[in-house]
Amino acid sequence: MGEKNADSLNIMVVDDSGITTKKLSELLEELGHTVVGVARTGKEAVETYNAINPDIVTMDITMPDMDGIEATQAILQKFKDALIIMVTSHNQEAKVLEAIRAGAVGYVIKPFKPDTVQRSIDRVIEKFMMDA
């Protein structure tokens, strides 16, 4: 990964809900980012990440076959510099903490608001730039 510009990032959206994927993808595009891939399961997320190597991944926590925490761990085993933001509902605080411990670098809560999504992305990029 090269130097990141928070104004325009290649983002992969991972969520088993087609509606959520569509809404988040549209919001990210409106913010000036490019959605370079979509995955509906954790296993698909790992395979897709390997194929497209996005700047950031938004990862739903609750999915069939492999949840977002397991998918985060699997991606980070292969790609130590992966930047993963968890997508969660209000009632999943314990799962968010588990995801952060697993290596996720941020989170965003549904329903999405453009300013909160952009703030989460900005925080991740700032942290990445400081650590790089």
Protein backbone atom coordinates (compact mmCIF):
# COMPACT_ATOMS: atom_id res chain seq x y z
CA MET A 1 0.00 0.00 0.00
CA GLY A 2 1.24 3.43 -0.88
CA GLU A 3 0.54 6.72 0.84
CA LYS A 4 -3.16 7.19 1.48
CA ASN A 5 -5.19 10.26 0.61
CA ALA A 6 -8.33 10.34 2.75
CA ASP A 7 -10.08 12.28 -0.02
CA SER A 8 -10.25 9.29 -2.37
CA LEU A 9 -9.79 5.72 -1.18
CA ASN A 10 -10.45 2.31 -2.71
CA ILE A 11 -12.89 0.65 -0.32
CA MET A 12 -14.31 -2.86 -0.12
CA VAL A 13 -17.73 -3.23 1.47
CA VAL A 14 -18.52 -6.49 3.28
CA ASP A 15 -22.10 -7.11 4.43
CA ASP A 16 -24.60 -9.92 3.94
CA SER A 17 -27.45 -7.41 3.48
CA GLY A 18 -27.84 -6.18 -0.08
CA ILE A 19 -29.68 -3.08 1.16
CA THR A 20 -26.90 -2.18 3.61
CA THR A 21 -24.23 -2.80 0.97
CA LYS A 22 -26.06 -0.54 -1.49
CA LYS A 23 -26.61 2.26 1.04
CA LEU A 24 -23.03 2.19 2.34
CA SER A 25 -21.56 1.96 -1.17
CA GLU A 26 -23.63 4.95 -2.33
CA LEU A 27 -22.63 6.95 0.75
CA LEU A 28 -18.93 6.16 0.24
CA GLU A 29 -19.13 7.15 -3.43
CA GLU A 30 -20.87 10.42 -2.46
CA LEU A 31 -17.96 11.09 -0.07
CA GLY A 32 -15.58 10.76 -3.03
CA HIS A 33 -14.30 7.22 -2.46
CA THR A 34 -14.39 4.30 -4.90
CA VAL A 35 -16.05 1.02 -3.94
CA VAL A 36 -13.73 -1.49 -5.60
CA GLY A 37 -15.34 -4.66 -4.29
CA VAL A 38 -18.28 -6.08 -2.40
CA ALA A 39 -18.50 -9.32 -0.44
CA ARG A 40 -21.54 -10.89 1.22
CA THR A 41 -19.84 -13.40 3.53
CA GLY A 42 -16.70 -13.54 5.61
CA LYS A 43 -15.15 -16.21 3.38
CA GLU A 44 -15.91 -14.15 0.30
CA ALA A 45 -14.36 -11.11 2.03
CA VAL A 46 -11.06 -12.95 2.54
CA GLU A 47 -10.99 -14.12 -1.10
CA THR A 48 -12.01 -10.71 -2.47
CA TYR A 49 -9.47 -8.84 -0.33
CA ASN A 50 -6.73 -11.04 -1.72
CA ALA A 51 -7.84 -10.24 -5.29
CA ILE A 52 -8.26 -6.45 -4.99
CA ASN A 53 -6.12 -5.28 -2.01
CA PRO A 54 -8.32 -2.27 -1.09
CA ASP A 55 -7.18 0.71 1.00
CA ILE A 56 -9.92 0.12 3.58
CA VAL A 57 -12.54 -2.55 4.28
CA THR A 58 -15.89 -1.91 5.96
CA MET A 59 -16.74 -5.22 7.64
CA ASP A 60 -20.14 -6.22 9.00
CA ILE A 61 -19.87 -8.19 12.22
CA THR A 62 -22.80 -10.58 11.80
CA MET A 63 -22.65 -12.72 8.66
CA PRO A 64 -23.21 -16.36 7.73
CA ASP A 65 -20.36 -18.89 7.35
CA MET A 66 -17.65 -16.68 8.90
CA ASP A 67 -18.47 -13.60 10.95
CA GLY A 68 -16.71 -10.26 10.55
CA ILE A 69 -14.37 -10.89 13.46
CA GLU A 70 -13.14 -14.20 12.00
CA ALA A 71 -12.83 -12.60 8.55
CA THR A 72 -10.84 -9.71 10.04
CA GLN A 73 -8.46 -12.16 11.70
CA ALA A 74 -8.08 -14.17 8.47
CA ILE A 75 -7.34 -11.06 6.38
CA LEU A 76 -4.85 -9.71 8.93
CA GLN A 77 -3.01 -13.05 9.06
CA LYS A 78 -2.15 -12.63 5.37
CA PHE A 79 -2.11 -8.82 5.11
CA LYS A 80 -0.68 -7.24 8.26
CA ASP A 81 -1.32 -3.69 7.03
CA ALA A 82 -5.02 -4.21 6.19
CA LEU A 83 -7.25 -1.41 7.50
CA ILE A 84 -10.63 -2.75 8.59
CA ILE A 85 -13.52 -0.70 9.96
CA MET A 86 -16.26 -2.72 11.62
CA VAL A 87 -19.91 -2.00 10.82
CA THR A 88 -22.21 -2.58 13.77
CA SER A 89 -25.60 -2.00 15.33
CA HIS A 90 -26.07 -0.16 18.62
CA ASN A 91 -26.49 -3.39 20.61
CA GLN A 92 -23.16 -4.98 19.59
CA GLU A 93 -20.67 -3.10 21.79
CA ALA A 94 -19.08 -6.32 23.12
CA LYS A 95 -18.58 -7.60 19.57
CA VAL A 96 -16.96 -4.28 18.55
CA LEU A 97 -14.45 -4.62 21.40
CA GLU A 98 -13.74 -8.19 20.31
CA ALA A 99 -13.22 -6.96 16.73
CA ILE A 100 -10.82 -4.22 17.86
CA ARG A 101 -8.85 -6.81 19.84
CA ALA A 102 -8.80 -8.95 16.67
CA GLY A 103 -7.18 -6.08 14.77
CA ALA A 104 -9.96 -3.86 13.40
CA VAL A 105 -8.88 -0.23 13.43
CA GLY A 106 -12.26 1.45 13.84
CA TYR A 107 -16.01 1.08 13.71
CA VAL A 108 -19.12 2.79 12.41
CA ILE A 109 -22.64 2.34 13.77
CA LYS A 110 -25.78 1.77 11.67
CA PRO A 111 -27.73 3.71 10.52
CA PHE A 112 -25.02 5.43 8.53
CA LYS A 113 -24.52 9.18 8.51
CA PRO A 114 -22.05 10.68 6.01
CA ASP A 115 -20.17 12.74 8.62
CA THR A 116 -19.68 9.83 11.04
CA VAL A 117 -18.54 7.47 8.27
CA GLN A 118 -16.05 10.07 7.00
CA ARG A 119 -14.79 10.72 10.55
CA SER A 120 -14.15 7.00 11.03
CA ILE A 121 -12.23 6.86 7.74
CA ASP A 122 -10.25 10.00 8.62
CA ARG A 123 -9.28 8.56 12.03
CA VAL A 124 -8.08 5.34 10.41
CA ILE A 125 -6.02 7.21 7.82
CA GLU A 126 -4.51 9.53 10.46
CA LYS A 127 -3.51 6.52 12.58
CA PHE A 128 -2.09 4.72 9.54
CA MET A 129 -0.07 7.79 8.51
CA MET A 130 1.35 8.18 12.06
CA ASP A 131 2.29 4.50 12.29
CA ALA A 132 3.75 4.30 8.76
